[in-house]
Amino acid sequence: SHAAIIAKKLGKTCVVGCNKLVVFQDEKRLELNDRVVKAGDFLSIDGRNGSVYLGAHPVEDIRFMTE
């Protein structure tokens, strides 16, 4: 997707196609699988497999070499 391409160019992690995610922008919260996440809550994203975890988890910085 376009979002994934732009995220990669920016060096960011991106998950696309999350059909069960509902964002309530005015209320600054989202719902995913009966879980509520509010602005300021931590989310951890595994960019290798697209998994999203509640809370702050240890991160591993992976740099891809380009030639």
Protein backbone atom coordinates (compact mmCIF):
# COMPACT_ATOMS: atom_id res chain seq x y z
CA SER A 1 0.00 0.00 0.00
CA HIS A 2 0.99 3.63 -0.38
CA ALA A 3 1.07 4.10 3.40
CA ALA A 4 3.55 1.24 3.83
CA ILE A 5 5.85 2.62 1.12
CA ILE A 6 5.88 6.11 2.62
CA ALA A 7 6.42 4.73 6.15
CA LYS A 8 9.41 2.72 4.97
CA LYS A 9 10.93 5.78 3.29
CA LEU A 10 10.48 7.70 6.56
CA GLY A 11 12.04 4.87 8.58
CA LYS A 12 8.77 4.24 10.44
CA THR A 13 6.85 1.09 11.26
CA CYS A 14 3.46 0.79 9.59
CA VAL A 15 0.59 -1.70 9.77
CA VAL A 16 -2.05 -1.44 7.04
CA GLY A 17 -5.33 -3.24 6.35
CA CYS A 18 -6.46 -3.50 9.96
CA ASN A 19 -10.20 -3.91 9.33
CA LYS A 20 -11.18 -4.30 12.99
CA LEU A 21 -9.61 -0.98 14.02
CA VAL A 22 -12.12 1.82 14.71
CA VAL A 23 -10.74 5.31 15.35
CA PHE A 24 -12.72 7.96 17.25
CA GLN A 25 -10.62 11.00 16.37
CA ASP A 26 -12.65 13.60 18.29
CA GLU A 27 -12.54 11.44 21.44
CA LYS A 28 -8.84 10.63 20.95
CA ARG A 29 -9.30 6.89 21.33
CA LEU A 30 -9.52 3.75 19.26
CA GLU A 31 -11.10 0.34 19.63
CA LEU A 32 -9.58 -2.92 18.45
CA ASN A 33 -10.95 -6.36 19.33
CA ASP A 34 -12.93 -5.06 22.33
CA ARG A 35 -9.89 -3.15 23.63
CA VAL A 36 -9.87 0.62 24.06
CA VAL A 37 -6.68 2.60 23.54
CA LYS A 38 -6.62 6.27 24.51
CA ALA A 39 -4.30 9.04 23.38
CA GLY A 40 -1.06 8.69 25.32
CA ASP A 41 -1.35 4.92 25.83
CA PHE A 42 1.61 2.91 24.58
CA LEU A 43 1.35 0.56 21.62
CA SER A 44 4.19 -1.61 20.35
CA ILE A 45 4.21 -2.69 16.71
CA ASP A 46 6.17 -5.59 15.26
CA GLY A 47 6.84 -4.34 11.75
CA ARG A 48 8.06 -7.76 10.62
CA ASN A 49 4.75 -9.54 11.08
CA GLY A 50 2.22 -6.74 11.69
CA SER A 51 1.43 -7.63 15.30
CA VAL A 52 0.25 -4.82 17.58
CA TYR A 53 0.71 -5.10 21.35
CA LEU A 54 -0.71 -2.99 24.17
CA GLY A 55 1.93 -1.38 26.34
CA ALA A 56 5.56 -0.45 25.91
CA HIS A 57 7.70 -3.44 24.94
CA PRO A 58 11.44 -3.65 24.28
CA VAL A 59 12.35 -2.66 20.74
CA GLU A 60 15.02 -3.88 18.41
CA ASP A 61 16.36 -1.46 15.82
CA ILE A 62 16.85 -3.33 12.57
CA ARG A 63 18.65 -1.49 9.79
CA PHE A 64 18.34 -2.82 6.28
CA MET A 65 21.35 -2.44 4.05
CA THR A 66 20.66 -1.05 0.61
CA GLU A 67 23.08 -1.20 -2.28
